[in-house]
PDB file of N, CA and C in Angstrom:
ATOM      1  N   MET A   1     -15.533 -34.414   2.818  1.00  0.00           N
ATOM      2  CA  MET A   1     -14.055 -34.098   3.231  1.00  0.00           C
ATOM      3  C   MET A   1     -13.504 -35.278   4.430  1.00  0.00           C
ATOM      4  N   PRO A   2     -12.506 -35.906   4.229  1.00  0.00           N
ATOM      5  CA  PRO A   2     -12.019 -36.764   5.277  1.00  0.00           C
ATOM      6  C   PRO A   2     -11.563 -36.027   6.290  1.00  0.00           C
ATOM      7  N   HIS A   3     -12.066 -36.513   7.967  1.00  0.00           N
ATOM      8  CA  HIS A   3     -11.219 -35.691   8.816  1.00  0.00           C
ATOM      9  C   HIS A   3     -10.007 -36.117   8.996  1.00  0.00           C
ATOM     10  N   ALA A   4      -8.820 -35.282   8.619  1.00  0.00           N
ATOM     11  CA  ALA A   4      -7.817 -35.369   8.800  1.00  0.00           C
ATOM     12  C   ALA A   4      -7.059 -33.809   8.749  1.00  0.00           C
ATOM     13  N   LYS A   5      -5.853 -34.021   9.456  1.00  0.00           N
ATOM     14  CA  LYS A   5      -5.109 -32.733  10.001  1.00  0.00           C
ATOM     15  C   LYS A   5      -4.971 -32.014   8.446  1.00  0.00           C
ATOM     16  N   HIS A   6      -4.437 -32.460   7.139  1.00  0.00           N
ATOM     17  CA  HIS A   6      -4.194 -31.421   6.253  1.00  0.00           C
ATOM     18  C   HIS A   6      -5.534 -31.129   5.390  1.00  0.00           C
ATOM     19  N   ASN A   7      -6.650 -31.619   5.816  1.00  0.00           N
ATOM     20  CA  ASN A   7      -7.874 -31.115   5.307  1.00  0.00           C
ATOM     21  C   ASN A   7      -8.636 -29.972   6.460  1.00  0.00           C
ATOM     22  N   ALA A   8      -8.294 -29.576   7.759  1.00  0.00           N
ATOM     23  CA  ALA A   8      -8.674 -29.078   8.704  1.00  0.00           C
ATOM     24  C   ALA A   8      -9.299 -27.693   8.131  1.00  0.00           C
ATOM     25  N   ILE A   9      -8.510 -27.014   7.283  1.00  0.00           N
ATOM     26  CA  ILE A   9      -8.818 -25.661   6.866  1.00  0.00           C
ATOM     27  C   ILE A   9     -10.011 -25.660   5.934  1.00  0.00           C
ATOM     28  N   TRP A  10     -10.295 -26.748   5.105  1.00  0.00           N
ATOM     29  CA  TRP A  10     -11.307 -27.156   4.665  1.00  0.00           C
ATOM     30  C   TRP A  10     -12.806 -27.003   5.348  1.00  0.00           C
ATOM     31  N   HIS A  11     -12.622 -27.662   6.429  1.00  0.00           N
ATOM     32  CA  HIS A  11     -13.609 -27.694   7.717  1.00  0.00           C
ATOM     33  C   HIS A  11     -13.818 -26.529   8.268  1.00  0.00           C
ATOM     34  N   LEU A  12     -13.093 -25.556   8.460  1.00  0.00           N
ATOM     35  CA  LEU A  12     -13.321 -24.397   8.850  1.00  0.00           C
ATOM     36  C   LEU A  12     -14.223 -23.385   8.327  1.00  0.00           C
ATOM     37  N   PHE A  13     -14.493 -23.539   6.891  1.00  0.00           N
ATOM     38  CA  PHE A  13     -15.265 -22.874   6.381  1.00  0.00           C
ATOM     39  C   PHE A  13     -16.834 -23.775   5.668  1.00  0.00           C
ATOM     40  N   SER A  14     -16.546 -24.903   6.392  1.00  0.00           N
ATOM     41  CA  SER A  14     -17.893 -25.743   6.226  1.00  0.00           C
ATOM     42  C   SER A  14     -19.329 -25.326   6.460  1.00  0.00           C
ATOM     43  N   GLY A  15     -19.269 -24.530   7.394  1.00  0.00           N
ATOM     44  CA  GLY A  15     -20.772 -24.011   8.047  1.00  0.00           C
ATOM     45  C   GLY A  15     -21.119 -25.074   8.829  1.00  0.00           C
ATOM     46  N   ILE A  16     -20.621 -26.279   9.206  1.00  0.00           N
ATOM     47  CA  ILE A  16     -21.304 -27.300  10.207  1.00  0.00           C
ATOM     48  C   ILE A  16     -20.449 -27.229  11.387  1.00  0.00           C
ATOM     49  N   PRO A  17     -21.388 -27.257  12.666  1.00  0.00           N
ATOM     50  CA  PRO A  17     -20.767 -26.623  13.881  1.00  0.00           C
ATOM     51  C   PRO A  17     -19.548 -27.941  14.080  1.00  0.00           C
ATOM     52  N   GLY A  18     -20.137 -29.262  13.880  1.00  0.00           N
ATOM     53  CA  GLY A  18     -19.228 -30.288  14.282  1.00  0.00           C
ATOM     54  C   GLY A  18     -17.748 -30.204  13.251  1.00  0.00           C
ATOM     55  N   GLU A  19     -18.029 -30.140  12.169  1.00  0.00           N
ATOM     56  CA  GLU A  19     -16.754 -29.936  11.212  1.00  0.00           C
ATOM     57  C   GLU A  19     -15.827 -28.559  11.905  1.00  0.00           C
ATOM     58  N   ILE A  20     -16.333 -27.395  12.070  1.00  0.00           N
ATOM     59  CA  ILE A  20     -15.896 -26.062  12.568  1.00  0.00           C
ATOM     60  C   ILE A  20     -14.899 -26.446  13.671  1.00  0.00           C
ATOM     61  N   GLU A  21     -15.651 -27.310  14.859  1.00  0.00           N
ATOM     62  CA  GLU A  21     -14.819 -27.678  16.062  1.00  0.00           C
ATOM     63  C   GLU A  21     -14.013 -28.729  15.614  1.00  0.00           C
ATOM     64  N   PHE A  22     -13.831 -29.552  14.783  1.00  0.00           N
ATOM     65  CA  PHE A  22     -12.817 -30.538  14.487  1.00  0.00           C
ATOM     66  C   PHE A  22     -11.703 -29.468  13.728  1.00  0.00           C
ATOM     67  N   ALA A  23     -11.948 -28.768  12.918  1.00  0.00           N
ATOM     68  CA  ALA A  23     -11.046 -27.814  12.338  1.00  0.00           C
ATOM     69  C   ALA A  23     -10.316 -26.918  13.222  1.00  0.00           C
ATOM     70  N   ALA A  24     -11.160 -26.403  14.251  1.00  0.00           N
ATOM     71  CA  ALA A  24     -10.100 -25.463  15.073  1.00  0.00           C
ATOM     72  C   ALA A  24      -9.357 -26.121  16.131  1.00  0.00           C
ATOM     73  N   ARG A  25      -9.520 -27.340  16.381  1.00  0.00           N
ATOM     74  CA  ARG A  25      -8.634 -28.028  17.233  1.00  0.00           C
ATOM     75  C   ARG A  25      -7.442 -28.671  16.264  1.00  0.00           C
ATOM     76  N   GLN A  26      -7.676 -29.034  15.189  1.00  0.00           N
ATOM     77  CA  GLN A  26      -6.567 -29.453  14.339  1.00  0.00           C
ATOM     78  C   GLN A  26      -5.750 -28.185  13.368  1.00  0.00           C
ATOM     79  N   TYR A  27      -6.503 -27.300  13.091  1.00  0.00           N
ATOM     80  CA  TYR A  27      -5.596 -26.168  12.280  1.00  0.00           C
ATOM     81  C   TYR A  27      -4.766 -25.196  12.991  1.00  0.00           C
ATOM     82  N   ARG A  28      -3.588 -25.485  12.527  1.00  0.00           N
ATOM     83  CA  ARG A  28      -2.705 -24.163  13.093  1.00  0.00           C
ATOM     84  C   ARG A  28      -2.122 -23.483  11.811  1.00  0.00           C
ATOM     85  N   GLY A  29      -2.309 -22.007  11.978  1.00  0.00           N
ATOM     86  CA  GLY A  29      -1.912 -21.271  10.914  1.00  0.00           C
ATOM     87  C   GLY A  29      -0.365 -21.087  10.692  1.00  0.00           C
ATOM     88  N   LYS A  30       0.216 -20.988   9.247  1.00  0.00           N
ATOM     89  CA  LYS A  30       1.497 -21.099   9.424  1.00  0.00           C
ATOM     90  C   LYS A  30       2.106 -19.502   9.393  1.00  0.00           C
ATOM     91  N   THR A  31       1.070 -18.502   9.355  1.00  0.00           N
ATOM     92  CA  THR A  31       1.467 -17.125   9.505  1.00  0.00           C
ATOM     93  C   THR A  31       0.898 -16.194  10.389  1.00  0.00           C
ATOM     94  N   GLN A  32       1.482 -15.606  10.940  1.00  0.00           N
ATOM     95  CA  GLN A  32       0.606 -14.535  11.971  1.00  0.00           C
ATOM     96  C   GLN A  32      -0.636 -13.980  11.727  1.00  0.00           C
ATOM     97  N   GLU A  33      -0.767 -13.546  10.260  1.00  0.00           N
ATOM     98  CA  GLU A  33      -1.878 -12.848   9.412  1.00  0.00           C
ATOM     99  C   GLU A  33      -2.982 -14.036   9.413  1.00  0.00           C
ATOM    100  N   ILE A  34      -2.711 -15.217   9.092  1.00  0.00           N
ATOM    101  CA  ILE A  34      -3.730 -16.025   8.828  1.00  0.00           C
ATOM    102  C   ILE A  34      -4.436 -16.587  10.606  1.00  0.00           C
ATOM    103  N   SER A  35      -3.126 -16.755  11.427  1.00  0.00           N
ATOM    104  CA  SER A  35      -3.909 -16.871  12.711  1.00  0.00           C
ATOM    105  C   SER A  35      -4.729 -15.895  13.175  1.00  0.00           C
ATOM    106  N   THR A  36      -4.655 -14.636  12.956  1.00  0.00           N
ATOM    107  CA  THR A  36      -5.654 -13.477  12.994  1.00  0.00           C
ATOM    108  C   THR A  36      -6.722 -13.490  12.792  1.00  0.00           C
ATOM    109  N   VAL A  37      -6.997 -13.663  11.449  1.00  0.00           N
ATOM    110  CA  VAL A  37      -7.867 -13.791  10.689  1.00  0.00           C
ATOM    111  C   VAL A  37      -8.690 -15.286  11.186  1.00  0.00           C
ATOM    112  N   LEU A  38      -8.235 -16.550  11.597  1.00  0.00           N
ATOM    113  CA  LEU A  38      -9.033 -17.361  12.056  1.00  0.00           C
ATOM    114  C   LEU A  38      -9.348 -17.171  13.374  1.00  0.00           C
ATOM    115  N   ASN A  39      -8.513 -16.400  14.128  1.00  0.00           N
ATOM    116  CA  ASN A  39      -9.158 -16.126  15.416  1.00  0.00           C
ATOM    117  C   ASN A  39     -10.067 -15.301  15.513  1.00  0.00           C
ATOM    118  N   ARG A  40     -10.036 -14.303  14.461  1.00  0.00           N
ATOM    119  CA  ARG A  40     -11.409 -13.368  14.438  1.00  0.00           C
ATOM    120  C   ARG A  40     -12.645 -14.569  14.094  1.00  0.00           C
ATOM    121  N   LEU A  41     -12.470 -15.292  12.990  1.00  0.00           N
ATOM    122  CA  LEU A  41     -13.565 -16.214  12.361  1.00  0.00           C
ATOM    123  C   LEU A  41     -14.171 -16.944  13.412  1.00  0.00           C
ATOM    124  N   PHE A  42     -13.421 -17.764  14.401  1.00  0.00           N
ATOM    125  CA  PHE A  42     -13.650 -18.395  15.530  1.00  0.00           C
ATOM    126  C   PHE A  42     -14.434 -17.459  16.621  1.00  0.00           C
ATOM    127  N   GLU A  43     -14.127 -16.399  16.875  1.00  0.00           N
ATOM    128  CA  GLU A  43     -14.871 -15.313  17.805  1.00  0.00           C
ATOM    129  C   GLU A  43     -16.347 -15.003  17.354  1.00  0.00           C
ATOM    130  N   ASN A  44     -16.264 -14.942  15.774  1.00  0.00           N
ATOM    131  CA  ASN A  44     -17.628 -14.594  15.214  1.00  0.00           C
ATOM    132  C   ASN A  44     -18.306 -16.122  15.548  1.00  0.00           C
ATOM    133  N   TYR A  45     -17.923 -17.061  15.120  1.00  0.00           N
ATOM    134  CA  TYR A  45     -18.673 -18.429  15.201  1.00  0.00           C
ATOM    135  C   TYR A  45     -19.311 -18.381  16.803  1.00  0.00           C
ATOM    136  N   GLN A  46     -18.339 -18.167  17.630  1.00  0.00           N
ATOM    137  CA  GLN A  46     -18.855 -18.250  19.020  1.00  0.00           C
ATOM    138  C   GLN A  46     -19.807 -17.125  19.261  1.00  0.00           C
ATOM    139  N   MET A  47     -19.827 -15.730  18.919  1.00  0.00           N
ATOM    140  CA  MET A  47     -20.806 -14.989  19.199  1.00  0.00           C
ATOM    141  C   MET A  47     -22.159 -15.160  18.706  1.00  0.00           C
ATOM    142  N   GLU A  48     -22.031 -15.676  17.445  1.00  0.00           N
ATOM    143  CA  GLU A  48     -23.272 -16.030  16.915  1.00  0.00           C
ATOM    144  C   GLU A  48     -23.927 -17.135  17.255  1.00  0.00           C
ATOM    145  N   GLY A  49     -23.236 -18.037  17.614  1.00  0.00           N
ATOM    146  CA  GLY A  49     -23.804 -19.425  18.198  1.00  0.00           C
ATOM    147  C   GLY A  49     -24.114 -20.290  17.167  1.00  0.00           C
ATOM    148  N   ILE A  50     -24.347 -19.983  15.678  1.00  0.00           N
ATOM    149  CA  ILE A  50     -24.493 -20.686  14.391  1.00  0.00           C
ATOM    150  C   ILE A  50     -23.470 -20.187  13.278  1.00  0.00           C
ATOM    151  N   PRO A  51     -23.702 -21.028  12.370  1.00  0.00           N
ATOM    152  CA  PRO A  51     -22.461 -21.183  11.252  1.00  0.00           C
ATOM    153  C   PRO A  51     -23.044 -19.979  10.687  1.00  0.00           C
ATOM    154  N   MET A  52     -22.162 -19.342  10.041  1.00  0.00           N
ATOM    155  CA  MET A  52     -22.398 -18.431   9.152  1.00  0.00           C
ATOM    156  C   MET A  52     -21.384 -17.759   8.091  1.00  0.00           C
ATOM    157  N   ALA A  53     -21.609 -17.159   7.033  1.00  0.00           N
ATOM    158  CA  ALA A  53     -21.018 -17.073   5.931  1.00  0.00           C
ATOM    159  C   ALA A  53     -20.338 -15.955   6.223  1.00  0.00           C
ATOM    160  N   TYR A  54     -19.016 -15.845   6.399  1.00  0.00           N
ATOM    161  CA  TYR A  54     -18.015 -14.822   6.628  1.00  0.00           C
ATOM    162  C   TYR A  54     -16.833 -14.854   5.691  1.00  0.00           C
ATOM    163  N   THR A  55     -16.890 -13.812   5.147  1.00  0.00           N
ATOM    164  CA  THR A  55     -16.018 -13.550   3.998  1.00  0.00           C
ATOM    165  C   THR A  55     -14.566 -12.833   4.136  1.00  0.00           C
ATOM    166  N   MET A  56     -13.889 -12.733   3.512  1.00  0.00           N
ATOM    167  CA  MET A  56     -12.326 -12.111   3.670  1.00  0.00           C
ATOM    168  C   MET A  56     -12.632 -10.431   3.949  1.00  0.00           C
ATOM    169  N   GLU A  57     -13.676 -10.083   2.649  1.00  0.00           N
ATOM    170  CA  GLU A  57     -14.368  -8.515   3.002  1.00  0.00           C
ATOM    171  C   GLU A  57     -14.799  -8.120   4.346  1.00  0.00           C
ATOM    172  N   ASP A  58     -15.660  -9.075   4.784  1.00  0.00           N
ATOM    173  CA  ASP A  58     -16.227  -8.960   6.182  1.00  0.00           C
ATOM    174  C   ASP A  58     -15.304  -8.633   6.853  1.00  0.00           C
ATOM    175  N   PHE A  59     -14.327  -9.773   7.068  1.00  0.00           N
ATOM    176  CA  PHE A  59     -13.245  -9.310   8.342  1.00  0.00           C
ATOM    177  C   PHE A  59     -12.310  -8.365   8.158  1.00  0.00           C
ATOM    178  N   LYS A  60     -12.059  -7.924   6.709  1.00  0.00           N
ATOM    179  CA  LYS A  60     -11.328  -6.474   6.814  1.00  0.00           C
ATOM    180  C   LYS A  60     -12.199  -5.100   7.223  1.00  0.00           C
ATOM    181  N   LYS A  61     -13.506  -5.236   6.756  1.00  0.00           N
ATOM    182  CA  LYS A  61     -13.958  -4.252   7.227  1.00  0.00           C
ATOM    183  C   LYS A  61     -14.486  -3.993   8.895  1.00  0.00           C
ATOM    184  N   ASP A  62     -14.503  -5.665   9.514  1.00  0.00           N
ATOM    185  CA  ASP A  62     -14.583  -5.592  10.998  1.00  0.00           C
ATOM    186  C   ASP A  62     -13.428  -5.201  11.475  1.00  0.00           C
ATOM    187  N   TYR A  63     -12.034  -5.788  10.870  1.00  0.00           N
ATOM    188  CA  TYR A  63     -11.081  -5.338  11.601  1.00  0.00           C
ATOM    189  C   TYR A  63     -10.810  -4.185  11.766  1.00  0.00           C
ATOM    190  N   VAL A  64     -10.921  -3.390  10.375  1.00  0.00           N
ATOM    191  CA  VAL A  64     -10.482  -2.073  10.272  1.00  0.00           C
ATOM    192  C   VAL A  64     -11.543  -1.281  11.495  1.00  0.00           C
ATOM    193  N   LYS A  65     -12.884  -1.407  11.404  1.00  0.00           N
ATOM    194  CA  LYS A  65     -13.714  -0.720  12.380  1.00  0.00           C
ATOM    195  C   LYS A  65     -13.306  -0.748  13.875  1.00  0.00           C
ATOM    196  N   GLU A  66     -13.171  -2.090  13.910  1.00  0.00           N
ATOM    197  CA  GLU A  66     -12.439  -2.358  15.688  1.00  0.00           C
ATOM    198  C   GLU A  66     -11.072  -1.771  15.745  1.00  0.00           C
ATOM    199  N   ASN A  67     -10.334  -1.435  14.970  1.00  0.00           N
ATOM    200  CA  ASN A  67      -8.815  -1.065  14.950  1.00  0.00           C
ATOM    201  C   ASN A  67      -8.673   0.379  14.458  1.00  0.00           C
ATOM    202  N   LEU A  68      -9.569   1.158  14.076  1.00  0.00           N
ATOM    203  CA  LEU A  68      -9.229   2.234  13.534  1.00  0.00           C
ATOM    204  C   LEU A  68      -8.846   3.559  14.600  1.00  0.00           C
ATOM    205  N   GLY A  69      -9.379   3.330  15.705  1.00  0.00           N
ATOM    206  CA  GLY A  69      -8.931   4.187  17.098  1.00  0.00           C
ATOM    207  C   GLY A  69      -7.534   4.132  17.184  1.00  0.00           C
ATOM    208  N   VAL A  70      -6.645   2.855  16.685  1.00  0.00           N
ATOM    209  CA  VAL A  70      -4.965   3.116  16.936  1.00  0.00           C
ATOM    210  C   VAL A  70      -4.210   3.817  16.397  1.00  0.00           C
ATOM    211  N   LEU A  71      -5.139   4.604  15.262  1.00  0.00           N
ATOM    212  CA  LEU A  71      -4.534   5.243  14.139  1.00  0.00           C
ATOM    213  C   LEU A  71      -4.782   6.788  14.634  1.00  0.00           C
ATOM    214  N   SER A  72      -4.017   7.810  14.266  1.00  0.00           N
ATOM    215  CA  SER A  72      -4.147   8.875  14.690  1.00  0.00           C
ATOM    216  C   SER A  72      -4.870   9.336  13.516  1.00  0.00           C
ATOM    217  N   PRO A  73      -5.422  10.711  13.530  1.00  0.00           N
ATOM    218  CA  PRO A  73      -6.324  11.282  12.395  1.00  0.00           C
ATOM    219  C   PRO A  73      -5.513  11.541  11.065  1.00  0.00           C
ATOM    220  N   ASP A  74      -3.948  12.013  11.446  1.00  0.00           N
ATOM    221  CA  ASP A  74      -3.337  12.285  10.519  1.00  0.00           C
ATOM    222  C   ASP A  74      -3.206  10.884   9.616  1.00  0.00           C
ATOM    223  N   ASP A  75      -2.909   9.843  10.160  1.00  0.00           N
ATOM    224  CA  ASP A  75      -2.476   8.468   9.668  1.00  0.00           C
ATOM    225  C   ASP A  75      -3.573   8.231   8.649  1.00  0.00           C
ATOM    226  N   VAL A  76      -5.008   8.430   9.402  1.00  0.00           N
ATOM    227  CA  VAL A  76      -5.831   7.998   8.688  1.00  0.00           C
ATOM    228  C   VAL A  76      -6.246   8.849   7.049  1.00  0.00           C
ATOM    229  N   LEU A  77      -6.142  10.216   7.503  1.00  0.00           N
ATOM    230  CA  LEU A  77      -6.135  11.212   6.353  1.00  0.00           C
ATOM    231  C   LEU A  77      -5.065  10.902   5.242  1.00  0.00           C
ATOM    232  N   GLN A  78      -3.828  10.505   5.397  1.00  0.00           N
ATOM    233  CA  GLN A  78      -2.942  10.216   4.551  1.00  0.00           C
ATOM    234  C   GLN A  78      -3.435   9.273   3.546  1.00  0.00           C
ATOM    235  N   GLN A  79      -4.280   8.469   4.118  1.00  0.00           N
ATOM    236  CA  GLN A  79      -4.682   7.264   2.916  1.00  0.00           C
ATOM    237  C   GLN A  79      -5.700   7.797   2.087  1.00  0.00           C
ATOM    238  N   PHE A  80      -6.152   8.986   1.768  1.00  0.00           N
ATOM    239  CA  PHE A  80      -7.172   9.601   1.033  1.00  0.00           C
ATOM    240  C   PHE A  80      -6.559  10.710   0.299  1.00  0.00           C
ATOM    241  N   SER A  81      -6.929  10.978  -0.931  1.00  0.00           N
ATOM    242  CA  SER A  81      -6.780  12.277  -1.734  1.00  0.00           C
ATOM    243  C   SER A  81      -7.289  13.360  -1.201  1.00  0.00           C
ATOM    244  N   PRO A  82      -6.754  14.490  -1.365  1.00  0.00           N
ATOM    245  CA  PRO A  82      -7.518  15.831  -0.967  1.00  0.00           C
ATOM    246  C   PRO A  82      -8.836  15.791  -1.564  1.00  0.00           C
ATOM    247  N   ASP A  83      -9.189  15.352  -2.839  1.00  0.00           N
ATOM    248  CA  ASP A  83     -10.387  15.072  -3.461  1.00  0.00           C
ATOM    249  C   ASP A  83     -11.451  14.029  -2.486  1.00  0.00           C
ATOM    250  N   ASP A  84     -10.817  13.135  -1.945  1.00  0.00           N
ATOM    251  CA  ASP A  84     -11.716  12.314  -1.502  1.00  0.00           C
ATOM    252  C   ASP A  84     -12.051  12.710   0.091  1.00  0.00           C
ATOM    253  N   ARG A  85     -11.065  13.281   0.752  1.00  0.00           N
ATOM    254  CA  ARG A  85     -11.368  14.050   1.938  1.00  0.00           C
ATOM    255  C   ARG A  85     -12.597  15.140   2.031  1.00  0.00           C
ATOM    256  N   LEU A  86     -12.868  15.492   0.754  1.00  0.00           N
ATOM    257  CA  LEU A  86     -13.580  16.797   0.741  1.00  0.00           C
ATOM    258  C   LEU A  86     -14.942  16.160  -0.009  1.00  0.00           C
ATOM    259  N   ARG A  87     -14.945  15.187  -0.411  1.00  0.00           N
ATOM    260  CA  ARG A  87     -16.045  14.746  -1.059  1.00  0.00           C
ATOM    261  C   ARG A  87     -17.301  14.578   0.140  1.00  0.00           C
ATOM    262  N   GLY A  88     -18.270  15.459  -0.580  1.00  0.00           N
ATOM    263  CA  GLY A  88     -19.707  15.189   0.409  1.00  0.00           C
ATOM    264  C   GLY A  88     -19.641  16.543   1.620  1.00  0.00           C
ATOM    265  N   LEU A  89     -18.678  17.359   1.190  1.00  0.00           N
ATOM    266  CA  LEU A  89     -18.800  18.363   1.851  1.00  0.00           C
ATOM    267  C   LEU A  89     -19.232  19.688   1.291  1.00  0.00           C
ATOM    268  N   ALA A  90     -20.123  20.508   1.929  1.00  0.00           N
ATOM    269  CA  ALA A  90     -20.819  21.891   1.226  1.00  0.00           C
ATOM    270  C   ALA A  90     -19.401  22.657   1.301  1.00  0.00           C
ATOM    271  N   PRO A  91     -19.689  23.835   0.231  1.00  0.00           N
ATOM    272  CA  PRO A  91     -18.517  24.660   0.503  1.00  0.00           C
ATOM    273  C   PRO A  91     -18.455  25.538   1.481  1.00  0.00           C
ATOM    274  N   ASN A  92     -19.523  25.720   1.936  1.00  0.00           N
ATOM    275  CA  ASN A  92     -19.581  26.402   3.255  1.00  0.00           C
ATOM    276  C   ASN A  92     -18.980  25.650   4.638  1.00  0.00           C
ATOM    277  N   GLU A  93     -19.134  24.329   4.630  1.00  0.00           N
ATOM    278  CA  GLU A  93     -18.179  23.370   5.615  1.00  0.00           C
ATOM    279  C   GLU A  93     -16.878  23.763   5.430  1.00  0.00           C
ATOM    280  N   VAL A  94     -16.296  23.960   4.233  1.00  0.00           N
ATOM    281  CA  VAL A  94     -14.877  23.874   4.131  1.00  0.00           C
ATOM    282  C   VAL A  94     -14.359  25.120   4.312  1.00  0.00           C
ATOM    283  N   LEU A  95     -14.978  26.355   3.513  1.00  0.00           N
ATOM    284  CA  LEU A  95     -14.723  27.557   3.696  1.00  0.00           C
ATOM    285  C   LEU A  95     -14.684  28.343   5.181  1.00  0.00           C
ATOM    286  N   ASN A  96     -15.318  27.602   6.058  1.00  0.00           N
ATOM    287  CA  ASN A  96     -15.623  27.987   7.706  1.00  0.00           C
ATOM    288  C   ASN A  96     -13.939  27.934   8.294  1.00  0.00           C
ATOM    289  N   ASN A  97     -13.466  27.124   7.651  1.00  0.00           N
ATOM    290  CA  ASN A  97     -12.363  26.674   8.395  1.00  0.00           C
ATOM    291  C   ASN A  97     -10.946  27.692   7.890  1.00  0.00           C
ATOM    292  N   PHE A  98     -11.629  28.490   7.247  1.00  0.00           N
ATOM    293  CA  PHE A  98     -10.596  29.698   6.828  1.00  0.00           C
ATOM    294  C   PHE A  98     -11.036  30.983   7.143  1.00  0.00           C
ATOM    295  N   SER A  99     -10.132  31.901   7.723  1.00  0.00           N
ATOM    296  CA  SER A  99     -10.371  33.133   7.748  1.00  0.00           C
ATOM    297  C   SER A  99     -10.719  34.004   6.557  1.00  0.00           C
ATOM    298  N   VAL A 100     -11.507  35.085   6.518  1.00  0.00           N
ATOM    299  CA  VAL A 100     -11.817  36.312   5.450  1.00  0.00           C
ATOM    300  C   VAL A 100     -10.610  36.242   4.692  1.00  0.00           C
ATOM    301  N   GLU A 101      -9.647  36.584   5.703  1.00  0.00           N
ATOM    302  CA  GLU A 101      -8.521  37.163   4.577  1.00  0.00           C
ATOM    303  C   GLU A 101      -7.846  36.030   4.093  1.00  0.00           C
ATOM    304  N   GLU A 102      -7.593  34.773   4.338  1.00  0.00           N
ATOM    305  CA  GLU A 102      -7.050  33.677   3.709  1.00  0.00           C
ATOM    306  C   GLU A 102      -7.981  33.158   2.446  1.00  0.00           C
ATOM    307  N   ILE A 103      -9.316  33.507   2.571  1.00  0.00           N
ATOM    308  CA  ILE A 103     -10.327  33.355   1.353  1.00  0.00           C
ATOM    309  C   ILE A 103      -9.927  34.344   0.574  1.00  0.00           C
ATOM    310  N   ARG A 104      -9.817  35.817   0.826  1.00  0.00           N
ATOM    311  CA  ARG A 104      -9.616  36.559   0.175  1.00  0.00           C
ATOM    312  C   ARG A 104      -8.223  36.844  -0.796  1.00  0.00           C
ATOM    313  N   GLN A 105      -7.263  36.128  -0.196  1.00  0.00           N
ATOM    314  CA  GLN A 105      -6.165  36.170  -0.782  1.00  0.00           C
ATOM    315  C   GLN A 105      -6.035  35.096  -1.998  1.00  0.00           C
ATOM    316  N   TYR A 106      -6.589  33.499  -1.095  1.00  0.00           N
ATOM    317  CA  TYR A 106      -6.691  32.892  -2.586  1.00  0.00           C
ATOM    318  C   TYR A 106      -7.573  33.226  -3.569  1.00  0.00           C
ATOM    319  N   LEU A 107      -8.509  34.072  -3.441  1.00  0.00           N
ATOM    320  CA  LEU A 107      -9.465  34.312  -4.683  1.00  0.00           C
ATOM    321  C   LEU A 107      -8.621  35.533  -5.538  1.00  0.00           C
ATOM    322  N   GLU A 108      -7.802  36.399  -4.721  1.00  0.00           N
ATOM    323  CA  GLU A 108      -7.014  37.358  -5.540  1.00  0.00           C
ATOM    324  C   GLU A 108      -5.987  36.488  -6.640  1.00  0.00           C
ATOM    325  N   LYS A 109      -5.403  35.482  -5.897  1.00  0.00           N
ATOM    326  CA  LYS A 109      -4.241  34.558  -6.684  1.00  0.00           C
ATOM    327  C   LYS A 109      -4.938  34.163  -7.984  1.00  0.00           C
ATOM    328  N   LYS A 110      -6.039  33.402  -7.563  1.00  0.00           N
ATOM    329  CA  LYS A 110      -6.698  32.817  -8.535  1.00  0.00           C
ATOM    330  C   LYS A 110      -7.280  33.649  -9.773  1.00  0.00           C
ATOM    331  N   GLN A 111      -7.512  35.039  -9.492  1.00  0.00           N
ATOM    332  CA  GLN A 111      -8.170  35.907 -10.422  1.00  0.00           C
ATOM    333  C   GLN A 111      -6.815  36.325 -11.405  1.00  0.00           C
ATOM    334  N   ARG A 112      -5.392  36.301 -10.617  1.00  0.00           N
ATOM    335  CA  ARG A 112      -4.163  36.837 -11.341  1.00  0.00           C
ATOM    336  C   ARG A 112      -3.915  35.563 -12.610  1.00  0.00           C
ATOM    337  N   GLU A 113      -4.245  34.339 -11.850  1.00  0.00           N
ATOM    338  CA  GLU A 113      -4.176  33.102 -12.809  1.00  0.00           C
ATOM    339  C   GLU A 113      -4.918  33.081 -13.987  1.00  0.00           C
ATOM    340  N   ILE A 114      -5.928  33.739 -14.192  1.00  0.00           N
ATOM    341  CA  ILE A 114      -7.104  33.894 -15.224  1.00  0.00           C
ATOM    342  C   ILE A 114      -6.618  34.767 -16.681  1.00  0.00           C
TER     343      ILE A 114
END
């Protein structure tokens, strides 16, 4: 691929250090979102010191891990259904969060529905 400003984006993903350096100097993202992605890509290249395959999926996972703390627990929980939130929990792990009276009332209500 010829070294030209309009080809810079392609050089970013070449995995060749010299090509990546050229692209980093030449390419300017058109949107804030792509700039964020590219900045993270550059950081990863610098951290590793070697070219590496880094996919958009890798970026998304890393970004969420690094920024999860800015969300409140309620914000995070709203992203999942009740079934998803309970998946993997043993019944006693769930029931320990309720009083005996609340459990008894729930069971009585379920009995009336049968």
